[in-house]
């Protein structure tokens, strides 16, 4: 289900109130910042013949299952061998998913996929609480394991312009590609629903053979 822009925006803004016990305040009266440009992170050759874009939410159980079962095979056979380019597009169905993405992006492209892997692997644990402050701390534990410092994560999690830009980027791409659920894959521009590695391999082999 696609949450409305207003609901997600409220979740982003409400973060500072609900998680104030876990996060320090930023310095007020900062100069107006330049527009934030959101980049989709990817791995594999940028000029690969086949490009796979995954739309997924960090709080989506089916997405976590894909990353636990299919993704390792996909990475070993097609990404690490340079056959395809794999890009990840975040979907925010809830505030926890948005916050997880903010932590993943806090490490930059170099750490992004490592943090994303841990977020999916530990999804049942970090997202289990109804207390936003607990969820924030759980995500920061993952960030620390990836080498992020608390001060850096606090800055990232309080970056309202970044959160708003991420939401706008997500909604634009989600609508443009006609995404209805997660995970969904765009393979060389064609939309595919969740599938097994065998089915995805067949599609990729066909695209590579063209």
N, C-alpha and C. Protein backbone atom coordinates (compact mmCIF):
# COMPACT_ATOMS: atom_id res chain seq x y z
N UNK A 1 0.85 -1.20 0.00
CA UNK A 1 0.00 0.00 0.00
C UNK A 1 0.88 1.24 0.00
N UNK A 2 0.59 2.24 -0.84
CA UNK A 2 1.36 3.46 -0.93
C UNK A 2 0.82 4.47 0.05
N UNK A 3 1.66 4.90 1.00
CA UNK A 3 1.24 5.90 1.95
C UNK A 3 1.20 7.25 1.26
N UNK A 4 0.31 8.12 1.68
CA UNK A 4 0.21 9.44 1.07
C UNK A 4 1.43 10.27 1.42
N UNK A 5 1.69 11.28 0.58
CA UNK A 5 2.83 12.17 0.82
C UNK A 5 2.70 12.86 2.16
N UNK A 6 1.48 13.30 2.50
CA UNK A 6 1.30 14.01 3.76
C UNK A 6 1.61 13.12 4.95
N UNK A 7 1.19 11.86 4.89
CA UNK A 7 1.42 10.96 6.01
C UNK A 7 2.91 10.70 6.20
N UNK A 8 3.63 10.48 5.10
CA UNK A 8 5.07 10.23 5.22
C UNK A 8 5.78 11.48 5.67
N UNK A 9 5.36 12.63 5.18
CA UNK A 9 5.98 13.88 5.59
C UNK A 9 5.79 14.11 7.08
N UNK A 10 4.58 13.79 7.57
CA UNK A 10 4.33 13.90 9.00
C UNK A 10 5.26 12.98 9.78
N UNK A 11 5.46 11.77 9.26
CA UNK A 11 6.35 10.83 9.94
C UNK A 11 7.76 11.38 10.01
N UNK A 12 8.19 12.03 8.95
CA UNK A 12 9.55 12.59 8.93
C UNK A 12 9.68 13.74 9.93
N UNK A 13 8.70 14.62 9.92
CA UNK A 13 8.75 15.76 10.83
C UNK A 13 8.58 15.31 12.27
N UNK A 14 7.70 14.33 12.49
CA UNK A 14 7.43 13.87 13.86
C UNK A 14 8.62 13.18 14.48
N UNK A 15 9.57 12.78 13.66
CA UNK A 15 10.74 12.08 14.18
C UNK A 15 11.43 12.87 15.29
N UNK A 16 11.61 14.19 15.09
CA UNK A 16 12.33 14.99 16.06
C UNK A 16 11.61 15.04 17.40
N UNK A 17 10.28 14.93 17.37
CA UNK A 17 9.52 14.97 18.61
C UNK A 17 9.51 13.60 19.31
N UNK A 18 9.29 12.54 18.54
CA UNK A 18 9.14 11.21 19.12
C UNK A 18 10.45 10.60 19.56
N UNK A 19 11.55 11.00 18.92
CA UNK A 19 12.85 10.42 19.25
C UNK A 19 13.77 11.41 19.92
N UNK A 20 13.23 12.48 20.47
CA UNK A 20 14.07 13.53 21.06
C UNK A 20 14.94 13.02 22.19
N UNK A 21 14.48 11.99 22.87
CA UNK A 21 15.28 11.44 23.98
C UNK A 21 16.54 10.76 23.49
N UNK A 22 16.52 10.36 22.23
CA UNK A 22 17.67 9.63 21.70
C UNK A 22 18.57 10.48 20.83
N UNK A 23 18.11 11.67 20.42
CA UNK A 23 18.86 12.45 19.45
C UNK A 23 19.04 13.88 19.94
N UNK A 24 20.24 14.43 19.80
CA UNK A 24 20.54 15.79 20.22
C UNK A 24 19.96 16.79 19.23
N UNK A 25 19.81 18.02 19.66
CA UNK A 25 19.27 19.06 18.81
C UNK A 25 20.36 19.65 17.92
N UNK A 26 20.01 20.05 16.71
CA UNK A 26 20.97 20.68 15.81
C UNK A 26 21.06 22.16 16.13
N UNK A 27 22.07 22.82 15.61
CA UNK A 27 22.24 24.25 15.83
C UNK A 27 21.20 25.01 15.04
N UNK A 28 20.44 25.92 15.68
CA UNK A 28 19.39 26.65 14.97
C UNK A 28 19.96 27.76 14.10
N UNK A 29 19.06 28.39 13.32
CA UNK A 29 19.41 29.56 12.52
C UNK A 29 20.50 29.28 11.51
N UNK A 30 20.53 28.08 10.96
CA UNK A 30 21.51 27.77 9.93
C UNK A 30 21.13 28.46 8.64
N UNK A 31 22.12 28.76 7.81
CA UNK A 31 21.87 29.42 6.53
C UNK A 31 21.08 28.48 5.62
N UNK A 32 20.24 29.03 4.76
CA UNK A 32 19.46 28.17 3.83
C UNK A 32 20.38 27.28 3.02
N UNK A 33 20.02 26.00 2.96
CA UNK A 33 20.88 25.04 2.26
C UNK A 33 20.47 24.92 0.80
N UNK A 34 21.41 24.49 -0.02
CA UNK A 34 21.12 24.25 -1.43
C UNK A 34 20.19 23.06 -1.55
N UNK A 35 19.41 22.97 -2.63
CA UNK A 35 18.50 21.83 -2.82
C UNK A 35 19.26 20.51 -2.73
N UNK A 36 18.65 19.54 -2.08
CA UNK A 36 19.29 18.25 -1.89
C UNK A 36 19.02 17.36 -3.10
N UNK A 37 20.06 16.80 -3.67
CA UNK A 37 19.92 15.88 -4.79
C UNK A 37 20.09 14.45 -4.28
N UNK A 38 19.11 13.61 -4.53
CA UNK A 38 19.15 12.23 -4.08
C UNK A 38 19.68 11.34 -5.20
N UNK A 39 20.65 10.52 -4.87
CA UNK A 39 21.25 9.60 -5.83
C UNK A 39 20.91 8.18 -5.41
N UNK A 40 20.50 7.36 -6.37
CA UNK A 40 20.27 5.94 -6.09
C UNK A 40 21.62 5.22 -6.12
N UNK A 41 21.94 4.54 -5.04
CA UNK A 41 23.22 3.83 -4.98
C UNK A 41 23.15 2.51 -5.73
N UNK A 42 24.25 2.13 -6.31
CA UNK A 42 24.29 0.88 -7.06
C UNK A 42 25.65 0.24 -7.03
N UNK A 43 25.68 -1.02 -7.46
CA UNK A 43 26.94 -1.75 -7.57
C UNK A 43 26.96 -2.47 -8.91
N UNK A 44 28.16 -2.68 -9.41
CA UNK A 44 28.30 -3.26 -10.74
C UNK A 44 28.63 -2.16 -11.74
N UNK A 45 29.10 -2.51 -12.91
CA UNK A 45 29.51 -1.52 -13.91
C UNK A 45 28.36 -0.60 -14.31
N UNK A 46 28.61 0.69 -14.33
CA UNK A 46 27.56 1.63 -14.69
C UNK A 46 27.17 1.48 -16.16
N UNK A 47 28.07 0.92 -16.97
CA UNK A 47 27.77 0.74 -18.39
C UNK A 47 27.40 -0.70 -18.72
N UNK A 48 26.97 -1.46 -17.71
CA UNK A 48 26.60 -2.86 -17.95
C UNK A 48 25.44 -2.95 -18.94
N UNK A 49 25.40 -4.02 -19.69
CA UNK A 49 24.36 -4.23 -20.70
C UNK A 49 22.99 -4.36 -20.06
N UNK A 50 22.95 -4.90 -18.85
CA UNK A 50 21.68 -5.10 -18.15
C UNK A 50 21.69 -4.31 -16.85
N UNK A 51 20.61 -3.57 -16.61
CA UNK A 51 20.46 -2.80 -15.38
C UNK A 51 19.23 -3.27 -14.63
N UNK A 52 19.44 -3.60 -13.37
CA UNK A 52 18.34 -4.04 -12.50
C UNK A 52 18.14 -2.99 -11.41
N UNK A 53 16.93 -2.50 -11.29
CA UNK A 53 16.58 -1.57 -10.22
C UNK A 53 15.60 -2.27 -9.30
N UNK A 54 15.95 -2.34 -8.02
CA UNK A 54 15.03 -2.94 -7.05
C UNK A 54 14.33 -1.84 -6.26
N UNK A 55 13.01 -1.88 -6.23
CA UNK A 55 12.22 -1.03 -5.35
C UNK A 55 11.92 -1.86 -4.10
N UNK A 56 12.35 -1.38 -2.95
CA UNK A 56 12.14 -2.15 -1.73
C UNK A 56 12.09 -1.24 -0.52
N UNK A 57 11.43 -1.72 0.51
CA UNK A 57 11.35 -1.03 1.80
C UNK A 57 12.14 -1.81 2.83
N UNK A 58 12.85 -1.09 3.68
CA UNK A 58 13.64 -1.74 4.73
C UNK A 58 12.75 -2.40 5.78
N UNK A 59 11.45 -2.12 5.78
CA UNK A 59 10.55 -2.77 6.74
C UNK A 59 9.66 -3.81 6.06
N UNK A 60 9.93 -4.11 4.81
CA UNK A 60 9.14 -5.09 4.06
C UNK A 60 9.69 -6.50 4.27
N UNK A 61 8.90 -7.42 4.88
CA UNK A 61 9.38 -8.79 5.11
C UNK A 61 9.74 -9.52 3.83
N UNK A 62 8.99 -9.31 2.75
CA UNK A 62 9.29 -9.98 1.49
C UNK A 62 10.62 -9.48 0.92
N UNK A 63 10.91 -8.21 1.16
CA UNK A 63 12.19 -7.65 0.72
C UNK A 63 13.33 -8.26 1.51
N UNK A 64 13.13 -8.41 2.81
CA UNK A 64 14.16 -9.04 3.64
C UNK A 64 14.40 -10.47 3.20
N UNK A 65 13.32 -11.18 2.84
CA UNK A 65 13.46 -12.55 2.37
C UNK A 65 14.24 -12.60 1.05
N UNK A 66 13.97 -11.67 0.14
CA UNK A 66 14.70 -11.62 -1.12
C UNK A 66 16.19 -11.42 -0.86
N UNK A 67 16.51 -10.52 0.05
CA UNK A 67 17.92 -10.22 0.32
C UNK A 67 18.62 -11.34 1.09
N UNK A 68 17.84 -12.18 1.74
CA UNK A 68 18.43 -13.31 2.45
C UNK A 68 18.64 -14.52 1.55
N UNK A 69 17.82 -14.65 0.53
CA UNK A 69 17.85 -15.87 -0.28
C UNK A 69 18.32 -15.64 -1.71
N UNK A 70 17.66 -14.72 -2.42
CA UNK A 70 17.94 -14.52 -3.84
C UNK A 70 19.12 -13.59 -4.09
N UNK A 71 19.20 -12.52 -3.34
CA UNK A 71 20.23 -11.52 -3.60
C UNK A 71 21.66 -12.07 -3.54
N UNK A 72 22.01 -12.90 -2.56
CA UNK A 72 23.38 -13.44 -2.54
C UNK A 72 23.75 -14.18 -3.82
N UNK A 73 22.81 -14.94 -4.36
CA UNK A 73 23.06 -15.66 -5.61
C UNK A 73 23.17 -14.68 -6.78
N UNK A 74 22.30 -13.68 -6.78
CA UNK A 74 22.33 -12.65 -7.82
C UNK A 74 23.66 -11.92 -7.80
N UNK A 75 24.12 -11.58 -6.62
CA UNK A 75 25.38 -10.85 -6.48
C UNK A 75 26.56 -11.69 -6.95
N UNK A 76 26.59 -12.95 -6.54
CA UNK A 76 27.72 -13.80 -6.89
C UNK A 76 27.80 -14.08 -8.38
N UNK A 77 26.64 -14.34 -9.00
CA UNK A 77 26.64 -14.78 -10.40
C UNK A 77 26.57 -13.64 -11.41
N UNK A 78 25.93 -12.52 -11.03
CA UNK A 78 25.72 -11.47 -12.02
C UNK A 78 26.34 -10.12 -11.67
N UNK A 79 26.38 -9.77 -10.39
CA UNK A 79 26.91 -8.46 -10.01
C UNK A 79 28.43 -8.50 -9.87
N UNK A 80 28.92 -9.41 -9.06
CA UNK A 80 30.36 -9.49 -8.83
C UNK A 80 31.14 -9.85 -10.10
N UNK A 81 30.48 -10.48 -11.04
CA UNK A 81 31.13 -10.85 -12.30
C UNK A 81 31.04 -9.74 -13.35
N UNK A 82 30.39 -8.62 -12.97
CA UNK A 82 30.32 -7.49 -13.87
C UNK A 82 29.30 -7.59 -14.98
N UNK A 83 28.40 -8.55 -14.89
CA UNK A 83 27.41 -8.74 -15.96
C UNK A 83 26.28 -7.73 -15.91
N UNK A 84 25.91 -7.30 -14.69
CA UNK A 84 24.79 -6.38 -14.56
C UNK A 84 25.12 -5.23 -13.61
N UNK A 85 24.34 -4.19 -13.71
CA UNK A 85 24.34 -3.08 -12.76
C UNK A 85 23.11 -3.22 -11.90
N UNK A 86 23.29 -3.19 -10.58
CA UNK A 86 22.17 -3.33 -9.65
C UNK A 86 22.04 -2.05 -8.85
N UNK A 87 20.86 -1.44 -8.91
CA UNK A 87 20.60 -0.23 -8.14
C UNK A 87 19.41 -0.44 -7.21
N UNK A 88 19.48 0.23 -6.07
CA UNK A 88 18.44 0.09 -5.05
C UNK A 88 17.67 1.39 -4.93
N UNK A 89 16.36 1.33 -5.01
CA UNK A 89 15.51 2.49 -4.80
C UNK A 89 14.65 2.25 -3.57
N UNK A 90 14.82 3.12 -2.60
CA UNK A 90 14.12 2.97 -1.33
C UNK A 90 12.64 3.34 -1.45
N UNK A 91 11.82 2.57 -0.78
CA UNK A 91 10.38 2.84 -0.67
C UNK A 91 10.08 3.04 0.81
N UNK A 92 9.30 4.07 1.11
CA UNK A 92 9.00 4.38 2.51
C UNK A 92 7.51 4.18 2.77
N UNK A 93 7.16 3.03 3.30
CA UNK A 93 5.79 2.76 3.66
C UNK A 93 5.47 3.22 5.08
N UNK A 94 6.51 3.53 5.85
CA UNK A 94 6.33 3.93 7.24
C UNK A 94 7.56 4.70 7.69
N UNK A 95 7.47 5.31 8.86
CA UNK A 95 8.58 6.15 9.33
C UNK A 95 9.82 5.32 9.64
N UNK A 96 9.64 4.09 10.11
CA UNK A 96 10.80 3.26 10.43
C UNK A 96 11.63 2.97 9.17
N UNK A 97 10.94 2.73 8.07
CA UNK A 97 11.65 2.48 6.83
C UNK A 97 12.43 3.70 6.37
N UNK A 98 11.85 4.88 6.57
CA UNK A 98 12.55 6.12 6.23
C UNK A 98 13.78 6.30 7.10
N UNK A 99 13.64 6.06 8.39
CA UNK A 99 14.78 6.23 9.28
C UNK A 99 15.91 5.24 8.96
N UNK A 100 15.54 4.01 8.63
CA UNK A 100 16.54 3.01 8.27
C UNK A 100 17.32 3.46 7.04
N UNK A 101 16.60 4.03 6.08
CA UNK A 101 17.26 4.53 4.87
C UNK A 101 18.19 5.68 5.19
N UNK A 102 17.81 6.53 6.13
CA UNK A 102 18.66 7.65 6.51
C UNK A 102 19.96 7.17 7.16
N UNK A 103 19.86 6.10 7.94
CA UNK A 103 21.08 5.52 8.54
C UNK A 103 21.93 4.88 7.45
N UNK A 104 21.31 4.16 6.53
CA UNK A 104 22.07 3.51 5.46
C UNK A 104 22.79 4.55 4.61
N UNK A 105 22.11 5.65 4.30
CA UNK A 105 22.72 6.69 3.49
C UNK A 105 23.78 7.47 4.25
N UNK A 106 23.71 7.43 5.56
CA UNK A 106 24.67 8.18 6.38
C UNK A 106 26.10 7.69 6.16
N UNK A 107 26.25 6.44 5.77
CA UNK A 107 27.58 5.89 5.53
C UNK A 107 28.10 6.15 4.13
N UNK A 108 27.29 6.83 3.30
CA UNK A 108 27.72 7.09 1.93
C UNK A 108 27.65 5.82 1.09
N UNK A 109 27.97 5.97 -0.19
CA UNK A 109 27.86 4.84 -1.10
C UNK A 109 28.77 3.68 -0.70
N UNK A 110 29.93 3.99 -0.11
CA UNK A 110 30.89 2.95 0.25
C UNK A 110 30.32 1.98 1.28
N UNK A 111 29.53 2.51 2.23
CA UNK A 111 29.00 1.66 3.30
C UNK A 111 27.53 1.29 3.09
N UNK A 112 26.90 1.89 2.10
CA UNK A 112 25.45 1.77 1.95
C UNK A 112 24.97 0.33 1.90
N UNK A 113 25.51 -0.47 1.00
CA UNK A 113 24.99 -1.83 0.82
C UNK A 113 25.33 -2.73 2.01
N UNK A 114 26.45 -2.47 2.67
CA UNK A 114 26.78 -3.23 3.87
C UNK A 114 25.78 -2.96 4.98
N UNK A 115 25.42 -1.68 5.15
CA UNK A 115 24.43 -1.32 6.16
C UNK A 115 23.06 -1.86 5.76
N UNK A 116 22.73 -1.76 4.49
CA UNK A 116 21.44 -2.27 4.01
C UNK A 116 21.32 -3.76 4.30
N UNK A 117 22.39 -4.50 4.07
CA UNK A 117 22.38 -5.94 4.35
C UNK A 117 22.05 -6.20 5.82
N UNK A 118 22.70 -5.44 6.72
CA UNK A 118 22.46 -5.63 8.15
C UNK A 118 21.04 -5.23 8.54
N UNK A 119 20.54 -4.17 7.93
CA UNK A 119 19.17 -3.72 8.22
C UNK A 119 18.17 -4.81 7.84
N UNK A 120 18.36 -5.43 6.69
CA UNK A 120 17.45 -6.50 6.28
C UNK A 120 17.64 -7.74 7.17
N UNK A 121 18.87 -8.10 7.45
CA UNK A 121 19.14 -9.29 8.26
C UNK A 121 18.53 -9.17 9.65
N UNK A 122 18.54 -7.96 10.22
CA UNK A 122 18.09 -7.75 11.59
C UNK A 122 16.72 -7.06 11.64
N UNK A 123 15.99 -7.11 10.56
CA UNK A 123 14.71 -6.41 10.47
C UNK A 123 13.76 -6.75 11.61
N UNK A 124 13.63 -8.02 11.93
CA UNK A 124 12.69 -8.44 12.98
C UNK A 124 13.09 -7.90 14.34
N UNK A 125 14.37 -7.65 14.53
CA UNK A 125 14.84 -7.16 15.83
C UNK A 125 14.74 -5.64 15.94
N UNK A 126 15.34 -4.91 14.98
CA UNK A 126 15.41 -3.46 15.15
C UNK A 126 14.05 -2.78 14.99
N UNK A 127 13.14 -3.38 14.19
CA UNK A 127 11.86 -2.74 13.93
C UNK A 127 10.73 -3.24 14.83
N UNK A 128 11.07 -4.06 15.81
CA UNK A 128 10.03 -4.72 16.61
C UNK A 128 9.35 -3.82 17.62
N UNK A 129 10.02 -2.77 18.07
CA UNK A 129 9.48 -1.94 19.14
C UNK A 129 8.48 -0.91 18.61
N UNK A 130 7.50 -0.58 19.45
CA UNK A 130 6.57 0.50 19.13
C UNK A 130 7.07 1.83 19.65
N UNK A 131 8.21 1.80 20.35
CA UNK A 131 8.81 3.02 20.89
C UNK A 131 9.80 3.57 19.87
N UNK A 132 9.54 4.73 19.26
CA UNK A 132 10.43 5.28 18.25
C UNK A 132 11.87 5.45 18.73
N UNK A 133 12.05 5.84 20.01
CA UNK A 133 13.40 6.03 20.53
C UNK A 133 14.17 4.72 20.55
N UNK A 134 13.48 3.63 20.84
CA UNK A 134 14.13 2.32 20.84
C UNK A 134 14.54 1.93 19.42
N UNK A 135 13.67 2.20 18.46
CA UNK A 135 13.97 1.89 17.07
C UNK A 135 15.18 2.69 16.60
N UNK A 136 15.22 3.96 16.96
CA UNK A 136 16.37 4.80 16.59
C UNK A 136 17.66 4.22 17.16
N UNK A 137 17.61 3.84 18.43
CA UNK A 137 18.81 3.27 19.05
C UNK A 137 19.19 1.95 18.39
N UNK A 138 18.22 1.14 18.04
CA UNK A 138 18.52 -0.12 17.35
C UNK A 138 19.20 0.14 16.02
N UNK A 139 18.74 1.14 15.29
CA UNK A 139 19.36 1.48 14.01
C UNK A 139 20.76 2.03 14.21
N UNK A 140 20.95 2.78 15.27
CA UNK A 140 22.28 3.32 15.54
C UNK A 140 23.26 2.20 15.93
N UNK A 141 22.76 1.15 16.54
CA UNK A 141 23.62 0.00 16.85
C UNK A 141 24.13 -0.61 15.56
N UNK A 142 23.24 -0.70 14.55
CA UNK A 142 23.65 -1.22 13.25
C UNK A 142 24.67 -0.27 12.62
N UNK A 143 24.41 1.03 12.73
CA UNK A 143 25.34 2.01 12.19
C UNK A 143 26.71 1.92 12.83
N UNK A 144 26.73 1.74 14.15
CA UNK A 144 28.02 1.62 14.84
C UNK A 144 28.78 0.40 14.36
N UNK A 145 28.05 -0.70 14.14
CA UNK A 145 28.70 -1.92 13.65
C UNK A 145 29.33 -1.70 12.27
N UNK A 146 28.80 -0.73 11.52
CA UNK A 146 29.34 -0.43 10.19
C UNK A 146 30.42 0.65 10.25
N UNK A 147 30.73 1.10 11.47
CA UNK A 147 31.81 2.08 11.63
C UNK A 147 31.36 3.52 11.70
N UNK A 148 30.05 3.77 11.83
CA UNK A 148 29.56 5.14 11.94
C UNK A 148 29.61 5.61 13.38
N UNK A 149 29.92 6.87 13.58
CA UNK A 149 29.95 7.45 14.91
C UNK A 149 28.60 8.08 15.24
N UNK A 150 28.28 8.10 16.53
CA UNK A 150 26.99 8.62 16.96
C UNK A 150 26.75 10.05 16.49
N UNK A 151 27.79 10.90 16.58
CA UNK A 151 27.62 12.30 16.19
C UNK A 151 27.23 12.41 14.72
N UNK A 152 27.85 11.60 13.89
CA UNK A 152 27.53 11.62 12.46
C UNK A 152 26.11 11.13 12.21
N UNK A 153 25.71 10.07 12.91
CA UNK A 153 24.35 9.55 12.74
C UNK A 153 23.31 10.54 13.23
N UNK A 154 23.61 11.25 14.32
CA UNK A 154 22.68 12.25 14.82
C UNK A 154 22.43 13.33 13.77
N UNK A 155 23.51 13.76 13.12
CA UNK A 155 23.39 14.78 12.07
C UNK A 155 22.53 14.25 10.92
N UNK A 156 22.80 13.03 10.52
CA UNK A 156 22.04 12.44 9.41
C UNK A 156 20.57 12.30 9.75
N UNK A 157 20.27 11.85 10.95
CA UNK A 157 18.89 11.59 11.33
C UNK A 157 18.08 12.86 11.56
N UNK A 158 18.79 13.97 11.77
CA UNK A 158 18.09 15.24 11.99
C UNK A 158 18.01 16.08 10.72
N UNK A 159 18.47 15.55 9.62
CA UNK A 159 18.54 16.31 8.37
C UNK A 159 17.17 16.32 7.69
N UNK A 160 16.33 17.28 8.07
CA UNK A 160 14.97 17.37 7.54
C UNK A 160 14.96 17.61 6.02
N UNK A 161 15.80 18.51 5.48
CA UNK A 161 15.81 18.68 4.02
C UNK A 161 16.14 17.39 3.28
N UNK A 162 17.05 16.60 3.83
CA UNK A 162 17.39 15.31 3.22
C UNK A 162 16.18 14.38 3.25
N UNK A 163 15.51 14.30 4.39
CA UNK A 163 14.33 13.43 4.51
C UNK A 163 13.26 13.83 3.51
N UNK A 164 13.02 15.12 3.39
CA UNK A 164 12.00 15.60 2.45
C UNK A 164 12.38 15.30 1.01
N UNK A 165 13.67 15.46 0.69
CA UNK A 165 14.14 15.16 -0.67
C UNK A 165 14.05 13.67 -0.97
N UNK A 166 14.35 12.84 0.02
CA UNK A 166 14.23 11.39 -0.15
C UNK A 166 12.79 10.99 -0.43
N UNK A 167 11.86 11.59 0.30
CA UNK A 167 10.45 11.28 0.11
C UNK A 167 10.00 11.71 -1.28
N UNK A 168 10.39 12.91 -1.70
CA UNK A 168 10.01 13.40 -3.02
C UNK A 168 10.59 12.53 -4.13
N UNK A 169 11.83 12.10 -3.96
CA UNK A 169 12.51 11.25 -4.94
C UNK A 169 11.79 9.90 -5.05
N UNK A 170 11.47 9.34 -3.90
CA UNK A 170 10.76 8.06 -3.86
C UNK A 170 9.41 8.16 -4.56
N UNK A 171 8.63 9.18 -4.22
CA UNK A 171 7.29 9.30 -4.78
C UNK A 171 7.32 9.52 -6.29
N UNK A 172 8.28 10.30 -6.77
CA UNK A 172 8.40 10.57 -8.20
C UNK A 172 8.69 9.27 -8.97
N UNK A 173 9.69 8.51 -8.51
CA UNK A 173 10.06 7.28 -9.20
C UNK A 173 8.99 6.21 -9.06
N UNK A 174 8.38 6.12 -7.88
CA UNK A 174 7.34 5.12 -7.61
C UNK A 174 6.19 5.29 -8.58
N UNK A 175 5.78 6.55 -8.78
CA UNK A 175 4.67 6.83 -9.69
C UNK A 175 5.08 6.64 -11.15
N UNK A 176 6.28 7.10 -11.49
CA UNK A 176 6.74 7.04 -12.88
C UNK A 176 6.84 5.60 -13.38
N UNK A 177 7.27 4.69 -12.50
CA UNK A 177 7.45 3.29 -12.90
C UNK A 177 6.22 2.44 -12.60
N UNK A 178 5.17 3.05 -12.05
CA UNK A 178 3.94 2.31 -11.78
C UNK A 178 4.13 1.20 -10.76
N UNK A 179 4.92 1.46 -9.73
CA UNK A 179 5.18 0.44 -8.71
C UNK A 179 3.97 0.31 -7.79
N UNK A 180 3.60 -0.91 -7.48
CA UNK A 180 2.42 -1.16 -6.64
C UNK A 180 2.75 -1.91 -5.35
N UNK A 181 3.91 -2.53 -5.28
CA UNK A 181 4.28 -3.27 -4.08
C UNK A 181 5.77 -3.52 -4.08
N UNK A 182 6.25 -4.09 -3.01
CA UNK A 182 7.68 -4.37 -2.89
C UNK A 182 7.90 -5.82 -2.46
N UNK A 183 9.02 -6.43 -2.94
CA UNK A 183 9.96 -5.83 -3.88
C UNK A 183 9.43 -5.90 -5.32
N UNK A 184 9.79 -4.90 -6.10
CA UNK A 184 9.50 -4.87 -7.53
C UNK A 184 10.81 -4.56 -8.25
N UNK A 185 10.99 -5.16 -9.41
CA UNK A 185 12.25 -5.00 -10.14
C UNK A 185 12.01 -4.43 -11.52
N UNK A 186 12.82 -3.45 -11.88
CA UNK A 186 12.84 -2.93 -13.24
C UNK A 186 14.11 -3.50 -13.89
N UNK A 187 13.92 -4.37 -14.87
CA UNK A 187 15.06 -5.00 -15.56
C UNK A 187 15.10 -4.45 -16.97
N UNK A 188 16.10 -3.62 -17.23
CA UNK A 188 16.21 -2.91 -18.51
C UNK A 188 14.90 -2.23 -18.88
N UNK A 189 14.29 -1.62 -17.86
CA UNK A 189 13.09 -0.82 -18.09
C UNK A 189 11.77 -1.56 -18.02
N UNK A 190 11.81 -2.88 -17.89
CA UNK A 190 10.58 -3.68 -17.81
C UNK A 190 10.30 -4.07 -16.37
N UNK A 191 9.07 -3.89 -15.94
CA UNK A 191 8.69 -4.15 -14.54
C UNK A 191 8.43 -5.63 -14.30
N UNK A 192 8.96 -6.13 -13.17
CA UNK A 192 8.74 -7.53 -12.76
C UNK A 192 8.42 -7.56 -11.27
N UNK A 193 7.53 -8.46 -10.88
CA UNK A 193 7.22 -8.65 -9.46
C UNK A 193 8.28 -9.53 -8.82
N UNK A 194 8.13 -9.75 -7.53
CA UNK A 194 9.07 -10.59 -6.79
C UNK A 194 9.16 -11.98 -7.43
N UNK A 195 10.35 -12.56 -7.42
CA UNK A 195 10.53 -13.85 -8.08
C UNK A 195 11.69 -14.60 -7.46
N UNK A 196 11.81 -15.88 -7.83
CA UNK A 196 12.92 -16.70 -7.36
C UNK A 196 14.18 -16.35 -8.13
N UNK A 197 15.31 -16.82 -7.64
CA UNK A 197 16.55 -16.57 -8.36
C UNK A 197 16.52 -17.24 -9.73
N UNK A 198 15.96 -18.42 -9.81
CA UNK A 198 15.90 -19.14 -11.09
C UNK A 198 15.14 -18.35 -12.13
N UNK A 199 14.00 -17.76 -11.72
CA UNK A 199 13.22 -16.97 -12.67
C UNK A 199 13.96 -15.69 -13.07
N UNK A 200 14.60 -15.05 -12.10
CA UNK A 200 15.35 -13.84 -12.43
C UNK A 200 16.55 -14.15 -13.31
N UNK A 201 17.20 -15.25 -13.04
CA UNK A 201 18.35 -15.66 -13.85
C UNK A 201 17.94 -15.87 -15.30
N UNK A 202 16.78 -16.47 -15.51
CA UNK A 202 16.30 -16.70 -16.88
C UNK A 202 16.09 -15.39 -17.61
N UNK A 203 15.52 -14.41 -16.92
CA UNK A 203 15.30 -13.10 -17.53
C UNK A 203 16.63 -12.42 -17.83
N UNK A 204 17.55 -12.46 -16.89
CA UNK A 204 18.84 -11.81 -17.06
C UNK A 204 19.64 -12.47 -18.18
N UNK A 205 19.62 -13.78 -18.24
CA UNK A 205 20.34 -14.49 -19.31
C UNK A 205 19.78 -14.10 -20.68
N UNK A 206 18.46 -13.95 -20.75
CA UNK A 206 17.84 -13.55 -22.01
C UNK A 206 18.27 -12.14 -22.41
N UNK A 207 18.29 -11.23 -21.43
CA UNK A 207 18.69 -9.87 -21.70
C UNK A 207 20.16 -9.79 -22.10
N UNK A 208 20.99 -10.57 -21.46
CA UNK A 208 22.42 -10.57 -21.77
C UNK A 208 22.70 -11.16 -23.15
N UNK A 209 21.84 -12.05 -23.60
CA UNK A 209 22.04 -12.71 -24.89
C UNK A 209 21.58 -11.86 -26.08
N UNK A 210 20.88 -10.78 -25.82
CA UNK A 210 20.36 -9.94 -26.91
C UNK A 210 21.49 -9.21 -27.62
